[in-house]
Amino acid sequence: MKDARNVLRIIGMILLGVFVFFVVLPLVLKVVGITLAFISGLAVLLIQVAVTLAIGYLILVGIRALLR
């Protein structure tokens, strides 16, 4: 029973840490001057690059399959 109580205490601490991280992170980023719009814009750009590379790869694989 003591081990279960310790495990629940550790899980509670981890969940509290995650909650604090997600609550404090936007505030810290605004204080530093990095806006969340910039970060989300960067994420969208990264997704666009990844999709472009994936489409290019699929085209190359298709051409290679046709040439065999």
PDB file of N, CA and C in Angstrom:
ATOM      1  N   MET A   1       0.823  -1.202   0.000  1.00  0.00           N
ATOM      2  CA  MET A   1       0.000   0.000   0.000  1.00  0.00           C
ATOM      3  C   MET A   1       0.860   1.257   0.000  1.00  0.00           C
ATOM      4  N   LYS A   2       1.993   1.169   0.683  1.00  0.00           N
ATOM      5  CA  LYS A   2       2.886   2.321   0.738  1.00  0.00           C
ATOM      6  C   LYS A   2       3.488   2.609  -0.641  1.00  0.00           C
ATOM      7  N   ASP A   3       3.800   1.527  -1.385  1.00  0.00           N
ATOM      8  CA  ASP A   3       4.338   1.713  -2.734  1.00  0.00           C
ATOM      9  C   ASP A   3       3.310   2.364  -3.658  1.00  0.00           C
ATOM     10  N   ALA A   4       2.050   1.937  -3.532  1.00  0.00           N
ATOM     11  CA  ALA A   4       1.000   2.525  -4.366  1.00  0.00           C
ATOM     12  C   ALA A   4       0.832   4.009  -4.044  1.00  0.00           C
ATOM     13  N   ARG A   5       0.930   4.356  -2.778  1.00  0.00           N
ATOM     14  CA  ARG A   5       0.812   5.759  -2.390  1.00  0.00           C
ATOM     15  C   ARG A   5       1.972   6.571  -2.962  1.00  0.00           C
ATOM     16  N   ASN A   6       3.168   5.994  -2.947  1.00  0.00           N
ATOM     17  CA  ASN A   6       4.330   6.688  -3.522  1.00  0.00           C
ATOM     18  C   ASN A   6       4.184   6.858  -5.031  1.00  0.00           C
ATOM     19  N   VAL A   7       3.676   5.831  -5.696  1.00  0.00           N
ATOM     20  CA  VAL A   7       3.481   5.912  -7.147  1.00  0.00           C
ATOM     21  C   VAL A   7       2.456   6.984  -7.476  1.00  0.00           C
ATOM     22  N   LEU A   8       1.345   7.025  -6.723  1.00  0.00           N
ATOM     23  CA  LEU A   8       0.329   8.051  -6.961  1.00  0.00           C
ATOM     24  C   LEU A   8       0.884   9.443  -6.688  1.00  0.00           C
ATOM     25  N   ARG A   9       1.715   9.570  -5.694  1.00  0.00           N
ATOM     26  CA  ARG A   9       2.326  10.868  -5.391  1.00  0.00           C
ATOM     27  C   ARG A   9       3.243  11.305  -6.537  1.00  0.00           C
ATOM     28  N   ILE A  10       4.023  10.384  -7.080  1.00  0.00           N
ATOM     29  CA  ILE A  10       4.920  10.712  -8.193  1.00  0.00           C
ATOM     30  C   ILE A  10       4.120  11.083  -9.436  1.00  0.00           C
ATOM     31  N   ILE A  11       3.052  10.332  -9.713  1.00  0.00           N
ATOM     32  CA  ILE A  11       2.199  10.655 -10.868  1.00  0.00           C
ATOM     33  C   ILE A  11       1.569  12.026 -10.693  1.00  0.00           C
ATOM     34  N   GLY A  12       1.122  12.328  -9.487  1.00  0.00           N
ATOM     35  CA  GLY A  12       0.549  13.647  -9.210  1.00  0.00           C
ATOM     36  C   GLY A  12       1.555  14.755  -9.436  1.00  0.00           C
ATOM     37  N   MET A  13       2.795  14.548  -9.000  1.00  0.00           N
ATOM     38  CA  MET A  13       3.837  15.558  -9.204  1.00  0.00           C
ATOM     39  C   MET A  13       4.119  15.763 -10.689  1.00  0.00           C
ATOM     40  N   ILE A  14       4.160  14.669 -11.452  1.00  0.00           N
ATOM     41  CA  ILE A  14       4.414  14.765 -12.891  1.00  0.00           C
ATOM     42  C   ILE A  14       3.282  15.519 -13.580  1.00  0.00           C
ATOM     43  N   LEU A  15       2.024  15.189 -13.239  1.00  0.00           N
ATOM     44  CA  LEU A  15       0.884  15.875 -13.843  1.00  0.00           C
ATOM     45  C   LEU A  15       0.871  17.358 -13.469  1.00  0.00           C
ATOM     46  N   LEU A  16       1.208  17.667 -12.219  1.00  0.00           N
ATOM     47  CA  LEU A  16       1.276  19.066 -11.801  1.00  0.00           C
ATOM     48  C   LEU A  16       2.379  19.806 -12.558  1.00  0.00           C
ATOM     49  N   GLY A  17       3.512  19.144 -12.754  1.00  0.00           N
ATOM     50  CA  GLY A  17       4.606  19.751 -13.518  1.00  0.00           C
ATOM     51  C   GLY A  17       4.219  20.018 -14.955  1.00  0.00           C
ATOM     52  N   VAL A  18       3.524  19.079 -15.584  1.00  0.00           N
ATOM     53  CA  VAL A  18       3.083  19.260 -16.969  1.00  0.00           C
ATOM     54  C   VAL A  18       2.082  20.412 -17.053  1.00  0.00           C
ATOM     55  N   PHE A  19       1.154  20.470 -16.088  1.00  0.00           N
ATOM     56  CA  PHE A  19       0.168  21.548 -16.063  1.00  0.00           C
ATOM     57  C   PHE A  19       0.850  22.905 -15.913  1.00  0.00           C
ATOM     58  N   VAL A  20       1.774  23.005 -14.989  1.00  0.00           N
ATOM     59  CA  VAL A  20       2.490  24.260 -14.773  1.00  0.00           C
ATOM     60  C   VAL A  20       3.288  24.630 -16.018  1.00  0.00           C
ATOM     61  N   PHE A  21       3.910  23.649 -16.651  1.00  0.00           N
ATOM     62  CA  PHE A  21       4.684  23.908 -17.866  1.00  0.00           C
ATOM     63  C   PHE A  21       3.812  24.524 -18.948  1.00  0.00           C
ATOM     64  N   PHE A  22       2.604  23.946 -19.165  1.00  0.00           N
ATOM     65  CA  PHE A  22       1.751  24.444 -20.237  1.00  0.00           C
ATOM     66  C   PHE A  22       1.075  25.761 -19.884  1.00  0.00           C
ATOM     67  N   VAL A  23       0.947  26.060 -18.599  1.00  0.00           N
ATOM     68  CA  VAL A  23       0.370  27.340 -18.206  1.00  0.00           C
ATOM     69  C   VAL A  23       1.431  28.437 -18.232  1.00  0.00           C
ATOM     70  N   VAL A  24       2.635  28.129 -17.781  1.00  0.00           N
ATOM     71  CA  VAL A  24       3.688  29.136 -17.656  1.00  0.00           C
ATOM     72  C   VAL A  24       4.391  29.388 -18.985  1.00  0.00           C
ATOM     73  N   LEU A  25       4.475  28.388 -19.845  1.00  0.00           N
ATOM     74  CA  LEU A  25       5.211  28.527 -21.099  1.00  0.00           C
ATOM     75  C   LEU A  25       4.727  29.702 -21.959  1.00  0.00           C
ATOM     76  N   PRO A  26       3.427  29.862 -22.212  1.00  0.00           N
ATOM     77  CA  PRO A  26       3.013  31.029 -23.017  1.00  0.00           C
ATOM     78  C   PRO A  26       3.364  32.359 -22.349  1.00  0.00           C
ATOM     79  N   LEU A  27       3.242  32.423 -21.032  1.00  0.00           N
ATOM     80  CA  LEU A  27       3.587  33.660 -20.329  1.00  0.00           C
ATOM     81  C   LEU A  27       5.066  33.971 -20.469  1.00  0.00           C
ATOM     82  N   VAL A  28       5.901  32.956 -20.317  1.00  0.00           N
ATOM     83  CA  VAL A  28       7.346  33.159 -20.437  1.00  0.00           C
ATOM     84  C   VAL A  28       7.710  33.570 -21.858  1.00  0.00           C
ATOM     85  N   LEU A  29       7.083  32.952 -22.837  1.00  0.00           N
ATOM     86  CA  LEU A  29       7.377  33.302 -24.232  1.00  0.00           C
ATOM     87  C   LEU A  29       6.967  34.739 -24.536  1.00  0.00           C
ATOM     88  N   LYS A  30       5.849  35.187 -23.974  1.00  0.00           N
ATOM     89  CA  LYS A  30       5.444  36.574 -24.202  1.00  0.00           C
ATOM     90  C   LYS A  30       6.396  37.538 -23.514  1.00  0.00           C
ATOM     91  N   VAL A  31       6.886  37.163 -22.343  1.00  0.00           N
ATOM     92  CA  VAL A  31       7.841  38.027 -21.645  1.00  0.00           C
ATOM     93  C   VAL A  31       9.137  38.118 -22.440  1.00  0.00           C
ATOM     94  N   VAL A  32       9.566  37.000 -22.988  1.00  0.00           N
ATOM     95  CA  VAL A  32      10.805  36.988 -23.761  1.00  0.00           C
ATOM     96  C   VAL A  32      10.617  37.740 -25.081  1.00  0.00           C
ATOM     97  N   GLY A  33       9.411  37.773 -25.587  1.00  0.00           N
ATOM     98  CA  GLY A  33       9.152  38.505 -26.822  1.00  0.00           C
ATOM     99  C   GLY A  33       8.857  37.611 -27.999  1.00  0.00           C
ATOM    100  N   ILE A  34       8.874  36.326 -27.791  1.00  0.00           N
ATOM    101  CA  ILE A  34       8.551  35.392 -28.868  1.00  0.00           C
ATOM    102  C   ILE A  34       7.050  35.166 -28.835  1.00  0.00           C
ATOM    103  N   THR A  35       6.372  35.553 -29.878  1.00  0.00           N
ATOM    104  CA  THR A  35       4.921  35.391 -29.883  1.00  0.00           C
ATOM    105  C   THR A  35       4.556  33.991 -30.352  1.00  0.00           C
ATOM    106  N   LEU A  36       3.418  33.546 -29.904  1.00  0.00           N
ATOM    107  CA  LEU A  36       2.963  32.216 -30.297  1.00  0.00           C
ATOM    108  C   LEU A  36       2.573  32.179 -31.778  1.00  0.00           C
ATOM    109  N   ALA A  37       2.227  33.327 -32.333  1.00  0.00           N
ATOM    110  CA  ALA A  37       1.901  33.370 -33.765  1.00  0.00           C
ATOM    111  C   ALA A  37       3.137  33.035 -34.590  1.00  0.00           C
ATOM    112  N   PHE A  38       4.298  33.530 -34.157  1.00  0.00           N
ATOM    113  CA  PHE A  38       5.545  33.226 -34.862  1.00  0.00           C
ATOM    114  C   PHE A  38       5.840  31.733 -34.794  1.00  0.00           C
ATOM    115  N   ILE A  39       5.650  31.152 -33.608  1.00  0.00           N
ATOM    116  CA  ILE A  39       5.933  29.726 -33.439  1.00  0.00           C
ATOM    117  C   ILE A  39       4.963  28.891 -34.266  1.00  0.00           C
ATOM    118  N   SER A  40       3.678  29.255 -34.259  1.00  0.00           N
ATOM    119  CA  SER A  40       2.717  28.492 -35.056  1.00  0.00           C
ATOM    120  C   SER A  40       2.968  28.698 -36.548  1.00  0.00           C
ATOM    121  N   GLY A  41       3.394  29.900 -36.941  1.00  0.00           N
ATOM    122  CA  GLY A  41       3.745  30.133 -38.342  1.00  0.00           C
ATOM    123  C   GLY A  41       4.935  29.297 -38.762  1.00  0.00           C
ATOM    124  N   LEU A  42       5.900  29.176 -37.867  1.00  0.00           N
ATOM    125  CA  LEU A  42       7.065  28.340 -38.129  1.00  0.00           C
ATOM    126  C   LEU A  42       6.666  26.867 -38.248  1.00  0.00           C
ATOM    127  N   ALA A  43       5.729  26.440 -37.410  1.00  0.00           N
ATOM    128  CA  ALA A  43       5.250  25.060 -37.471  1.00  0.00           C
ATOM    129  C   ALA A  43       4.534  24.795 -38.788  1.00  0.00           C
ATOM    130  N   VAL A  44       3.725  25.744 -39.242  1.00  0.00           N
ATOM    131  CA  VAL A  44       3.017  25.590 -40.518  1.00  0.00           C
ATOM    132  C   VAL A  44       4.018  25.516 -41.668  1.00  0.00           C
ATOM    133  N   LEU A  45       5.047  26.357 -41.616  1.00  0.00           N
ATOM    134  CA  LEU A  45       6.076  26.322 -42.654  1.00  0.00           C
ATOM    135  C   LEU A  45       6.800  24.976 -42.669  1.00  0.00           C
ATOM    136  N   LEU A  46       7.104  24.452 -41.491  1.00  0.00           N
ATOM    137  CA  LEU A  46       7.767  23.153 -41.396  1.00  0.00           C
ATOM    138  C   LEU A  46       6.886  22.040 -41.962  1.00  0.00           C
ATOM    139  N   ILE A  47       5.589  22.097 -41.685  1.00  0.00           N
ATOM    140  CA  ILE A  47       4.659  21.093 -42.219  1.00  0.00           C
ATOM    141  C   ILE A  47       4.591  21.197 -43.743  1.00  0.00           C
ATOM    142  N   GLN A  48       4.583  22.414 -44.270  1.00  0.00           N
ATOM    143  CA  GLN A  48       4.543  22.588 -45.722  1.00  0.00           C
ATOM    144  C   GLN A  48       5.794  22.021 -46.377  1.00  0.00           C
ATOM    145  N   VAL A  49       6.944  22.243 -45.772  1.00  0.00           N
ATOM    146  CA  VAL A  49       8.190  21.697 -46.319  1.00  0.00           C
ATOM    147  C   VAL A  49       8.152  20.175 -46.279  1.00  0.00           C
ATOM    148  N   ALA A  50       7.660  19.612 -45.173  1.00  0.00           N
ATOM    149  CA  ALA A  50       7.599  18.155 -45.050  1.00  0.00           C
ATOM    150  C   ALA A  50       6.660  17.557 -46.090  1.00  0.00           C
ATOM    151  N   VAL A  51       5.527  18.184 -46.320  1.00  0.00           N
ATOM    152  CA  VAL A  51       4.574  17.680 -47.318  1.00  0.00           C
ATOM    153  C   VAL A  51       5.174  17.781 -48.719  1.00  0.00           C
ATOM    154  N   THR A  52       5.856  18.871 -49.000  1.00  0.00           N
ATOM    155  CA  THR A  52       6.498  19.032 -50.308  1.00  0.00           C
ATOM    156  C   THR A  52       7.552  17.958 -50.535  1.00  0.00           C
ATOM    157  N   LEU A  53       8.367  17.700 -49.528  1.00  0.00           N
ATOM    158  CA  LEU A  53       9.387  16.644 -49.651  1.00  0.00           C
ATOM    159  C   LEU A  53       8.742  15.277 -49.823  1.00  0.00           C
ATOM    160  N   ALA A  54       7.645  15.018 -49.113  1.00  0.00           N
ATOM    161  CA  ALA A  54       6.960  13.727 -49.230  1.00  0.00           C
ATOM    162  C   ALA A  54       6.379  13.544 -50.626  1.00  0.00           C
ATOM    163  N   ILE A  55       5.784  14.597 -51.173  1.00  0.00           N
ATOM    164  CA  ILE A  55       5.227  14.500 -52.528  1.00  0.00           C
ATOM    165  C   ILE A  55       6.345  14.275 -53.543  1.00  0.00           C
ATOM    166  N   GLY A  56       7.444  14.986 -53.396  1.00  0.00           N
ATOM    167  CA  GLY A  56       8.584  14.782 -54.286  1.00  0.00           C
ATOM    168  C   GLY A  56       9.120  13.365 -54.209  1.00  0.00           C
ATOM    169  N   TYR A  57       9.201  12.831 -53.005  1.00  0.00           N
ATOM    170  CA  TYR A  57       9.675  11.456 -52.823  1.00  0.00           C
ATOM    171  C   TYR A  57       8.724  10.469 -53.496  1.00  0.00           C
ATOM    172  N   LEU A  58       7.423  10.685 -53.323  1.00  0.00           N
ATOM    173  CA  LEU A  58       6.450   9.781 -53.940  1.00  0.00           C
ATOM    174  C   LEU A  58       6.527   9.843 -55.466  1.00  0.00           C
ATOM    175  N   ILE A  59       6.749  11.015 -56.008  1.00  0.00           N
ATOM    176  CA  ILE A  59       6.899  11.139 -57.465  1.00  0.00           C
ATOM    177  C   ILE A  59       8.137  10.386 -57.936  1.00  0.00           C
ATOM    178  N   LEU A  60       9.256  10.548 -57.225  1.00  0.00           N
ATOM    179  CA  LEU A  60      10.476   9.824 -57.601  1.00  0.00           C
ATOM    180  C   LEU A  60      10.294   8.314 -57.507  1.00  0.00           C
ATOM    181  N   VAL A  61       9.614   7.848 -56.470  1.00  0.00           N
ATOM    182  CA  VAL A  61       9.377   6.406 -56.315  1.00  0.00           C
ATOM    183  C   VAL A  61       8.470   5.914 -57.436  1.00  0.00           C
ATOM    184  N   GLY A  62       7.476   6.722 -57.815  1.00  0.00           N
ATOM    185  CA  GLY A  62       6.590   6.331 -58.905  1.00  0.00           C
ATOM    186  C   GLY A  62       7.313   6.237 -60.227  1.00  0.00           C
ATOM    187  N   ILE A  63       8.188   7.200 -60.514  1.00  0.00           N
ATOM    188  CA  ILE A  63       8.975   7.166 -61.732  1.00  0.00           C
ATOM    189  C   ILE A  63       9.888   5.945 -61.737  1.00  0.00           C
ATOM    190  N   ARG A  64      10.506   5.665 -60.595  1.00  0.00           N
ATOM    191  CA  ARG A  64      11.411   4.509 -60.490  1.00  0.00           C
ATOM    192  C   ARG A  64      10.643   3.206 -60.718  1.00  0.00           C
ATOM    193  N   ALA A  65       9.412   3.146 -60.187  1.00  0.00           N
ATOM    194  CA  ALA A  65       8.600   1.933 -60.364  1.00  0.00           C
ATOM    195  C   ALA A  65       8.196   1.775 -61.836  1.00  0.00           C
ATOM    196  N   LEU A  66       7.922   2.869 -62.520  1.00  0.00           N
ATOM    197  CA  LEU A  66       7.536   2.780 -63.930  1.00  0.00           C
ATOM    198  C   LEU A  66       8.707   2.359 -64.812  1.00  0.00           C
ATOM    199  N   LEU A  67       9.919   2.736 -64.436  1.00  0.00           N
ATOM    200  CA  LEU A  67      11.090   2.410 -65.235  1.00  0.00           C
ATOM    201  C   LEU A  67      11.534   0.965 -65.053  1.00  0.00           C
ATOM    202  N   ARG A  68      11.060   0.296 -64.040  1.00  0.00           N
ATOM    203  CA  ARG A  68      11.473  -1.100 -63.842  1.00  0.00           C
ATOM    204  C   ARG A  68      10.760  -2.037 -64.735  1.00  0.00           C
TER     205      ARG A  68
END
